[in-house]
Amino acid sequence: MLFVARRGDCTGGPISSMLAASMMRLFWVCVGSAVGGGARYLLSSWLTERWGQQLPYGAVFPYGTLAVNVLGSFSIGCLMYAGAGAALLSPTALLALTTGVMGGFTTYSTFSYQTVRALQDGHWMVALVNVVLTTSGCLLACGLGWYGARAIWSAGA
């Protein structure tokens, strides 16, 4: 009976306050996810239109997915420093921006599917390059985001 309220719980008691705070955080994560997912769609679509994905021999390379994952990794590095390292963001804002926006923007599942699909199609080199570029690029971008944000916000301190 998880959702059964006790008498007094909806009148500002500690349980209703915790529930309200939790629901507010959930709301901001959902809003952030919608923004991040929309931004991923727009950027990935634009890159696919601009560069295409077709490679020689019928192989395709997922430039859009790589770009959103590397950009998202850089951004989450910046955000985590701003929120956790420099305490410039409230816990709710940090949650909404990282779990919400960056969670909606980046896409590990699409990266995984595109890599498996390349292997199924016999394009093992495309799959290998995608794995190496994505993992090394995302780790490097996240570190650069963290240290870049630290350099910017520590300089003013």
N, C-alpha and C. Protein backbone atom coordinates (compact mmCIF):
# COMPACT_ATOMS: atom_id res chain seq x y z
N MET A 1 0.83 -1.17 0.00
CA MET A 1 0.00 0.00 0.00
C MET A 1 0.88 1.24 0.00
N LEU A 2 1.65 1.34 -1.00
CA LEU A 2 2.63 2.41 -1.13
C LEU A 2 1.99 3.78 -1.25
N PHE A 3 0.85 3.89 -1.90
CA PHE A 3 0.26 5.20 -2.18
C PHE A 3 -0.89 5.57 -1.25
N VAL A 4 -1.08 4.80 -0.21
CA VAL A 4 -2.14 5.11 0.74
C VAL A 4 -1.60 6.10 1.76
N ALA A 5 -2.20 7.27 1.82
CA ALA A 5 -1.74 8.30 2.74
C ALA A 5 -2.38 8.10 4.10
N ARG A 6 -1.62 8.35 5.12
CA ARG A 6 -2.17 8.33 6.47
C ARG A 6 -2.82 9.68 6.74
N ARG A 7 -3.69 9.70 7.68
CA ARG A 7 -4.36 10.95 8.03
C ARG A 7 -3.31 11.98 8.44
N GLY A 8 -3.36 13.13 7.84
CA GLY A 8 -2.42 14.20 8.17
C GLY A 8 -1.24 14.27 7.20
N ASP A 9 -1.02 13.20 6.39
CA ASP A 9 0.13 13.20 5.48
C ASP A 9 0.00 14.26 4.39
N CYS A 10 -1.18 14.62 4.02
CA CYS A 10 -1.37 15.58 2.93
C CYS A 10 -1.54 17.01 3.44
N THR A 11 -1.27 17.20 4.69
CA THR A 11 -1.45 18.53 5.26
C THR A 11 -0.13 19.18 5.61
N GLY A 12 0.92 18.79 4.94
CA GLY A 12 2.21 19.44 5.17
C GLY A 12 3.12 18.68 6.12
N GLY A 13 2.80 17.43 6.44
CA GLY A 13 3.65 16.63 7.30
C GLY A 13 4.94 16.25 6.60
N PRO A 14 5.85 15.58 7.32
CA PRO A 14 7.16 15.24 6.74
C PRO A 14 7.08 14.31 5.54
N ILE A 15 6.13 13.38 5.55
CA ILE A 15 6.01 12.45 4.42
C ILE A 15 5.55 13.20 3.18
N SER A 16 4.55 14.07 3.32
CA SER A 16 4.07 14.81 2.15
C SER A 16 5.12 15.79 1.65
N SER A 17 5.92 16.34 2.53
CA SER A 17 7.00 17.24 2.10
C SER A 17 8.05 16.48 1.30
N MET A 18 8.40 15.27 1.76
CA MET A 18 9.37 14.45 1.03
C MET A 18 8.81 14.03 -0.32
N LEU A 19 7.54 13.66 -0.34
CA LEU A 19 6.90 13.26 -1.60
C LEU A 19 6.85 14.43 -2.57
N ALA A 20 6.50 15.60 -2.07
CA ALA A 20 6.43 16.79 -2.94
C ALA A 20 7.81 17.11 -3.51
N ALA A 21 8.84 17.04 -2.68
CA ALA A 21 10.20 17.32 -3.16
C ALA A 21 10.63 16.28 -4.19
N SER A 22 10.30 15.03 -3.94
CA SER A 22 10.65 13.96 -4.87
C SER A 22 9.92 14.13 -6.20
N MET A 23 8.65 14.49 -6.14
CA MET A 23 7.88 14.71 -7.36
C MET A 23 8.39 15.92 -8.14
N MET A 24 8.84 16.94 -7.44
CA MET A 24 9.39 18.12 -8.11
C MET A 24 10.69 17.75 -8.83
N ARG A 25 11.54 16.97 -8.18
CA ARG A 25 12.79 16.52 -8.84
C ARG A 25 12.46 15.67 -10.06
N LEU A 26 11.48 14.77 -9.92
CA LEU A 26 11.06 13.94 -11.05
C LEU A 26 10.55 14.81 -12.20
N PHE A 27 9.77 15.82 -11.89
CA PHE A 27 9.26 16.73 -12.92
C PHE A 27 10.43 17.37 -13.69
N TRP A 28 11.45 17.88 -12.99
CA TRP A 28 12.57 18.55 -13.65
C TRP A 28 13.42 17.57 -14.44
N VAL A 29 13.55 16.33 -13.97
CA VAL A 29 14.27 15.31 -14.74
C VAL A 29 13.50 15.02 -16.03
N CYS A 30 12.19 14.90 -15.95
CA CYS A 30 11.37 14.64 -17.15
C CYS A 30 11.45 15.79 -18.15
N VAL A 31 11.38 17.02 -17.68
CA VAL A 31 11.51 18.19 -18.56
C VAL A 31 12.89 18.18 -19.22
N GLY A 32 13.92 17.94 -18.41
CA GLY A 32 15.28 17.88 -18.94
C GLY A 32 15.45 16.78 -19.97
N SER A 33 14.85 15.62 -19.73
CA SER A 33 14.92 14.51 -20.68
C SER A 33 14.29 14.88 -22.02
N ALA A 34 13.19 15.58 -21.96
CA ALA A 34 12.53 16.01 -23.21
C ALA A 34 13.41 16.99 -23.97
N VAL A 35 14.01 17.93 -23.27
CA VAL A 35 14.90 18.90 -23.92
C VAL A 35 16.12 18.18 -24.51
N GLY A 36 16.72 17.29 -23.73
CA GLY A 36 17.90 16.57 -24.20
C GLY A 36 17.61 15.67 -25.38
N GLY A 37 16.48 14.96 -25.33
CA GLY A 37 16.10 14.09 -26.44
C GLY A 37 15.82 14.88 -27.71
N GLY A 38 15.16 16.02 -27.56
CA GLY A 38 14.90 16.88 -28.73
C GLY A 38 16.19 17.42 -29.32
N ALA A 39 17.10 17.84 -28.45
CA ALA A 39 18.39 18.36 -28.93
C ALA A 39 19.19 17.26 -29.63
N ARG A 40 19.15 16.04 -29.09
CA ARG A 40 19.85 14.92 -29.73
C ARG A 40 19.29 14.67 -31.12
N TYR A 41 17.98 14.65 -31.23
CA TYR A 41 17.35 14.43 -32.53
C TYR A 41 17.77 15.50 -33.53
N LEU A 42 17.72 16.76 -33.13
CA LEU A 42 18.05 17.86 -34.03
C LEU A 42 19.52 17.82 -34.46
N LEU A 43 20.43 17.64 -33.51
CA LEU A 43 21.85 17.62 -33.85
C LEU A 43 22.21 16.41 -34.69
N SER A 44 21.73 15.25 -34.29
CA SER A 44 22.03 14.03 -35.03
C SER A 44 21.46 14.09 -36.44
N SER A 45 20.24 14.58 -36.58
CA SER A 45 19.63 14.71 -37.91
C SER A 45 20.39 15.69 -38.77
N TRP A 46 20.79 16.82 -38.20
CA TRP A 46 21.54 17.83 -38.94
C TRP A 46 22.87 17.27 -39.42
N LEU A 47 23.58 16.55 -38.55
CA LEU A 47 24.87 15.98 -38.95
C LEU A 47 24.71 14.91 -40.03
N THR A 48 23.66 14.11 -39.92
CA THR A 48 23.42 13.08 -40.93
C THR A 48 23.11 13.72 -42.28
N GLU A 49 22.31 14.78 -42.28
CA GLU A 49 22.01 15.48 -43.53
C GLU A 49 23.25 16.14 -44.11
N ARG A 50 24.08 16.70 -43.24
CA ARG A 50 25.26 17.43 -43.68
C ARG A 50 26.37 16.50 -44.19
N TRP A 51 26.66 15.46 -43.42
CA TRP A 51 27.77 14.56 -43.76
C TRP A 51 27.32 13.22 -44.31
N GLY A 52 26.09 12.86 -44.05
CA GLY A 52 25.64 11.52 -44.42
C GLY A 52 26.29 10.49 -43.53
N GLN A 53 25.96 9.25 -43.74
CA GLN A 53 26.57 8.17 -42.96
C GLN A 53 27.22 7.15 -43.87
N GLN A 54 26.99 7.26 -45.16
CA GLN A 54 27.44 6.23 -46.08
C GLN A 54 28.96 6.25 -46.26
N LEU A 55 29.55 5.09 -46.13
CA LEU A 55 30.97 4.89 -46.38
C LEU A 55 31.10 3.95 -47.58
N PRO A 56 32.31 3.78 -48.11
CA PRO A 56 32.49 2.82 -49.20
C PRO A 56 32.06 1.41 -48.79
N TYR A 57 31.71 0.60 -49.75
CA TYR A 57 31.34 -0.80 -49.55
C TYR A 57 30.03 -0.98 -48.80
N GLY A 58 29.18 0.04 -48.80
CA GLY A 58 27.88 -0.07 -48.18
C GLY A 58 27.86 0.10 -46.68
N ALA A 59 28.99 0.37 -46.07
CA ALA A 59 29.04 0.57 -44.63
C ALA A 59 28.55 1.96 -44.28
N VAL A 60 28.05 2.12 -43.07
CA VAL A 60 27.62 3.43 -42.59
C VAL A 60 28.37 3.73 -41.29
N PHE A 61 28.64 5.01 -41.06
CA PHE A 61 29.26 5.40 -39.80
C PHE A 61 28.33 6.38 -39.09
N PRO A 62 28.03 6.14 -37.83
CA PRO A 62 27.07 6.96 -37.08
C PRO A 62 27.67 8.25 -36.52
N TYR A 63 27.95 9.20 -37.42
CA TYR A 63 28.56 10.47 -37.00
C TYR A 63 27.70 11.21 -35.98
N GLY A 64 26.39 11.22 -36.19
CA GLY A 64 25.50 11.93 -35.28
C GLY A 64 25.54 11.37 -33.88
N THR A 65 25.51 10.06 -33.76
CA THR A 65 25.55 9.42 -32.44
C THR A 65 26.88 9.69 -31.76
N LEU A 66 27.96 9.59 -32.51
CA LEU A 66 29.28 9.89 -31.95
C LEU A 66 29.34 11.33 -31.45
N ALA A 67 28.84 12.25 -32.25
CA ALA A 67 28.89 13.67 -31.88
C ALA A 67 28.08 13.96 -30.61
N VAL A 68 26.86 13.42 -30.51
CA VAL A 68 26.06 13.72 -29.32
C VAL A 68 26.67 13.08 -28.08
N ASN A 69 27.26 11.91 -28.22
CA ASN A 69 27.87 11.27 -27.06
C ASN A 69 29.13 12.00 -26.59
N VAL A 70 29.96 12.45 -27.52
CA VAL A 70 31.18 13.18 -27.13
C VAL A 70 30.79 14.55 -26.57
N LEU A 71 29.90 15.26 -27.23
CA LEU A 71 29.45 16.56 -26.72
C LEU A 71 28.76 16.42 -25.36
N GLY A 72 27.94 15.40 -25.22
CA GLY A 72 27.27 15.14 -23.95
C GLY A 72 28.26 14.80 -22.85
N SER A 73 29.31 14.06 -23.16
CA SER A 73 30.33 13.71 -22.17
C SER A 73 31.09 14.95 -21.73
N PHE A 74 31.41 15.83 -22.67
CA PHE A 74 32.06 17.09 -22.32
C PHE A 74 31.14 17.92 -21.42
N SER A 75 29.88 17.99 -21.80
CA SER A 75 28.91 18.79 -21.05
C SER A 75 28.70 18.25 -19.64
N ILE A 76 28.62 16.92 -19.50
CA ILE A 76 28.41 16.37 -18.16
C ILE A 76 29.64 16.58 -17.29
N GLY A 77 30.83 16.57 -17.91
CA GLY A 77 32.03 16.91 -17.15
C GLY A 77 31.96 18.32 -16.59
N CYS A 78 31.56 19.27 -17.44
CA CYS A 78 31.39 20.66 -16.99
C CYS A 78 30.33 20.77 -15.90
N LEU A 79 29.19 20.13 -16.13
CA LEU A 79 28.09 20.21 -15.17
C LEU A 79 28.45 19.59 -13.83
N MET A 80 29.12 18.46 -13.85
CA MET A 80 29.48 17.80 -12.59
C MET A 80 30.48 18.64 -11.81
N TYR A 81 31.40 19.30 -12.51
CA TYR A 81 32.30 20.18 -11.77
C TYR A 81 31.51 21.36 -11.19
N ALA A 82 30.65 21.95 -12.01
CA ALA A 82 29.86 23.10 -11.55
C ALA A 82 28.99 22.73 -10.35
N GLY A 83 28.41 21.54 -10.37
CA GLY A 83 27.52 21.14 -9.29
C GLY A 83 28.22 20.52 -8.10
N ALA A 84 29.11 19.58 -8.38
CA ALA A 84 29.76 18.84 -7.29
C ALA A 84 31.08 19.48 -6.87
N GLY A 85 31.84 19.95 -7.82
CA GLY A 85 33.16 20.50 -7.50
C GLY A 85 33.13 21.92 -7.00
N ALA A 86 32.29 22.76 -7.61
CA ALA A 86 32.27 24.17 -7.26
C ALA A 86 30.98 24.59 -6.54
N ALA A 87 30.04 23.68 -6.40
CA ALA A 87 28.76 23.96 -5.74
C ALA A 87 28.05 25.18 -6.34
N LEU A 88 28.09 25.30 -7.67
CA LEU A 88 27.43 26.41 -8.36
C LEU A 88 25.99 26.09 -8.74
N LEU A 89 25.61 24.81 -8.64
CA LEU A 89 24.26 24.39 -9.00
C LEU A 89 23.60 23.73 -7.79
N SER A 90 22.32 23.94 -7.66
CA SER A 90 21.58 23.25 -6.59
C SER A 90 21.52 21.76 -6.92
N PRO A 91 21.30 20.91 -5.92
CA PRO A 91 21.18 19.48 -6.20
C PRO A 91 20.08 19.16 -7.22
N THR A 92 18.97 19.87 -7.16
CA THR A 92 17.88 19.63 -8.11
C THR A 92 18.27 20.07 -9.52
N ALA A 93 18.93 21.20 -9.64
CA ALA A 93 19.38 21.66 -10.96
C ALA A 93 20.41 20.69 -11.54
N LEU A 94 21.33 20.23 -10.71
CA LEU A 94 22.33 19.27 -11.17
C LEU A 94 21.66 17.98 -11.64
N LEU A 95 20.70 17.48 -10.88
CA LEU A 95 19.97 16.28 -11.25
C LEU A 95 19.22 16.48 -12.57
N ALA A 96 18.53 17.61 -12.72
CA ALA A 96 17.77 17.87 -13.94
C ALA A 96 18.69 17.98 -15.15
N LEU A 97 19.85 18.62 -14.98
CA LEU A 97 20.76 18.82 -16.11
C LEU A 97 21.53 17.55 -16.47
N THR A 98 21.94 16.77 -15.46
CA THR A 98 22.73 15.56 -15.76
C THR A 98 21.83 14.38 -16.10
N THR A 99 20.99 13.96 -15.16
CA THR A 99 20.11 12.82 -15.40
C THR A 99 19.07 13.15 -16.47
N GLY A 100 18.53 14.35 -16.43
CA GLY A 100 17.51 14.74 -17.38
C GLY A 100 18.06 15.11 -18.75
N VAL A 101 18.66 16.29 -18.86
CA VAL A 101 19.10 16.79 -20.17
C VAL A 101 20.19 15.90 -20.78
N MET A 102 21.25 15.63 -20.03
CA MET A 102 22.34 14.82 -20.60
C MET A 102 21.93 13.37 -20.79
N GLY A 103 21.06 12.86 -19.89
CA GLY A 103 20.54 11.50 -20.07
C GLY A 103 19.69 11.38 -21.33
N GLY A 104 18.91 12.43 -21.63
CA GLY A 104 18.12 12.43 -22.85
C GLY A 104 18.95 12.71 -24.09
N PHE A 105 20.02 13.48 -23.92
CA PHE A 105 20.85 13.88 -25.06
C PHE A 105 21.77 12.76 -25.52
N THR A 106 22.47 12.13 -24.59
CA THR A 106 23.41 11.06 -24.97
C THR A 106 22.66 9.76 -25.16
N THR A 107 23.30 8.81 -25.84
CA THR A 107 22.56 7.61 -26.19
C THR A 107 23.47 6.39 -26.31
N TYR A 108 23.66 5.72 -25.20
CA TYR A 108 24.48 4.51 -25.20
C TYR A 108 23.77 3.38 -25.94
N SER A 109 22.47 3.32 -25.83
CA SER A 109 21.73 2.24 -26.50
C SER A 109 21.84 2.34 -28.02
N THR A 110 21.78 3.54 -28.56
CA THR A 110 21.91 3.70 -30.02
C THR A 110 23.32 3.36 -30.46
N PHE A 111 24.32 3.82 -29.69
CA PHE A 111 25.71 3.46 -29.97
C PHE A 111 25.87 1.93 -30.01
N SER A 112 25.30 1.25 -29.03
CA SER A 112 25.40 -0.21 -28.96
C SER A 112 24.75 -0.87 -30.16
N TYR A 113 23.55 -0.42 -30.48
CA TYR A 113 22.83 -1.00 -31.61
C TYR A 113 23.59 -0.79 -32.92
N GLN A 114 24.07 0.44 -33.14
CA GLN A 114 24.77 0.73 -34.39
C GLN A 114 26.06 -0.09 -34.51
N THR A 115 26.72 -0.32 -33.40
CA THR A 115 27.93 -1.13 -33.41
C THR A 115 27.60 -2.59 -33.72
N VAL A 116 26.58 -3.13 -33.06
CA VAL A 116 26.17 -4.52 -33.32
C VAL A 116 25.70 -4.67 -34.76
N ARG A 117 24.97 -3.67 -35.26
CA ARG A 117 24.49 -3.73 -36.64
C ARG A 117 25.65 -3.74 -37.64
N ALA A 118 26.68 -2.94 -37.38
CA ALA A 118 27.86 -2.95 -38.25
C ALA A 118 28.51 -4.33 -38.25
N LEU A 119 28.60 -4.95 -37.09
CA LEU A 119 29.17 -6.30 -37.01
C LEU A 119 28.31 -7.30 -37.76
N GLN A 120 27.00 -7.22 -37.62
CA GLN A 120 26.09 -8.12 -38.32
C GLN A 120 26.21 -7.97 -39.83
N ASP A 121 26.50 -6.76 -40.27
CA ASP A 121 26.64 -6.50 -41.71
C ASP A 121 28.04 -6.80 -42.23
N GLY A 122 28.92 -7.28 -41.35
CA GLY A 122 30.27 -7.63 -41.76
C GLY A 122 31.23 -6.46 -41.81
N HIS A 123 30.86 -5.34 -41.26
CA HIS A 123 31.71 -4.14 -41.26
C HIS A 123 32.41 -4.02 -39.91
N TRP A 124 33.26 -4.98 -39.63
CA TRP A 124 33.93 -5.04 -38.32
C TRP A 124 34.84 -3.85 -38.09
N MET A 125 35.43 -3.29 -39.14
CA MET A 125 36.31 -2.13 -38.97
C MET A 125 35.50 -0.89 -38.55
N VAL A 126 34.33 -0.72 -39.12
CA VAL A 126 33.46 0.38 -38.73
C VAL A 126 33.06 0.21 -37.26
N ALA A 127 32.72 -1.00 -36.87
CA ALA A 127 32.35 -1.27 -35.48
C ALA A 127 33.51 -0.98 -34.54
N LEU A 128 34.70 -1.43 -34.90
CA LEU A 128 35.88 -1.21 -34.07
C LEU A 128 36.19 0.28 -33.94
N VAL A 129 36.17 1.00 -35.04
CA VAL A 129 36.44 2.44 -35.02
C VAL A 129 35.38 3.15 -34.18
N ASN A 130 34.12 2.75 -34.32
CA ASN A 130 33.05 3.36 -33.54
C ASN A 130 33.27 3.14 -32.03
N VAL A 131 33.65 1.94 -31.63
CA VAL A 131 33.89 1.64 -30.22
C VAL A 131 35.08 2.44 -29.70
N VAL A 132 36.17 2.45 -30.45
CA VAL A 132 37.38 3.16 -30.00
C VAL A 132 37.13 4.66 -29.94
N LEU A 133 36.55 5.24 -31.00
CA LEU A 133 36.29 6.68 -31.00
C LEU A 133 35.29 7.10 -29.92
N THR A 134 34.25 6.31 -29.75
CA THR A 134 33.23 6.67 -28.77
C THR A 134 33.78 6.57 -27.35
N THR A 135 34.40 5.46 -27.00
CA THR A 135 34.87 5.31 -25.61
C THR A 135 36.01 6.27 -25.30
N SER A 136 37.01 6.33 -26.15
CA SER A 136 38.13 7.23 -25.87
C SER A 136 37.71 8.69 -26.01
N GLY A 137 36.91 9.00 -27.02
CA GLY A 137 36.45 10.37 -27.21
C GLY A 137 35.58 10.86 -26.07
N CYS A 138 34.68 10.01 -25.59
CA CYS A 138 33.79 10.41 -24.49
C CYS A 138 34.56 10.57 -23.18
N LEU A 139 35.48 9.66 -22.89
CA LEU A 139 36.27 9.79 -21.67
C LEU A 139 37.14 11.05 -21.71
N LEU A 140 37.78 11.29 -22.84
CA LEU A 140 38.60 12.48 -23.00
C LEU A 140 37.74 13.75 -22.89
N ALA A 141 36.60 13.76 -23.55
CA ALA A 141 35.72 14.93 -23.52
C ALA A 141 35.21 15.21 -22.11
N CYS A 142 34.85 14.17 -21.37
CA CYS A 142 34.37 14.36 -20.01
C CYS A 142 35.47 14.97 -19.13
N GLY A 143 36.68 14.43 -19.25
CA GLY A 143 37.81 14.99 -18.50
C GLY A 143 38.10 16.43 -18.88
N LEU A 144 38.07 16.73 -20.17
CA LEU A 144 38.29 18.10 -20.62
C LEU A 144 37.19 19.03 -20.10
N GLY A 145 35.97 18.55 -20.08
CA GLY A 145 34.87 19.35 -19.54
C GLY A 145 35.07 19.66 -18.07
N TRP A 146 35.43 18.65 -17.29
CA TRP A 146 35.67 18.84 -15.85
C TRP A 146 36.81 19.82 -15.62
N TYR A 147 37.96 19.56 -16.25
CA TYR A 147 39.13 20.40 -16.00
C TYR A 147 38.98 21.79 -16.62
N GLY A 148 38.27 21.88 -17.74
CA GLY A 148 38.00 23.19 -18.33
C GLY A 148 37.11 24.03 -17.43
N ALA A 149 36.05 23.41 -16.90
CA ALA A 149 35.16 24.12 -15.99
C ALA A 149 35.90 24.53 -14.72
N ARG A 150 36.74 23.64 -14.23
CA ARG A 150 37.51 23.97 -13.02
C ARG A 150 38.44 25.14 -13.28
N ALA A 151 39.07 25.16 -14.45
CA ALA A 151 39.98 26.27 -14.78
C ALA A 151 39.21 27.59 -14.88
N ILE A 152 38.01 27.54 -15.45
CA ILE A 152 37.22 28.77 -15.60
C ILE A 152 36.70 29.26 -14.25
N TRP A 153 36.08 28.36 -13.47
CA TRP A 153 35.44 28.79 -12.24
C TRP A 153 36.43 28.93 -11.08
N SER A 154 37.56 28.29 -11.16
CA SER A 154 38.58 28.46 -10.10
C SER A 154 39.36 29.75 -10.30
N ALA A 155 39.43 30.24 -11.54
CA ALA A 155 40.17 31.46 -11.81
C ALA A 155 39.54 32.68 -11.14
N GLY A 156 38.22 32.64 -10.99
CA GLY A 156 37.53 33.76 -10.37
C GLY A 156 37.56 33.71 -8.84
N ALA A 157 38.01 32.59 -8.29
CA ALA A 157 37.99 32.44 -6.83
C ALA A 157 39.20 33.05 -6.17
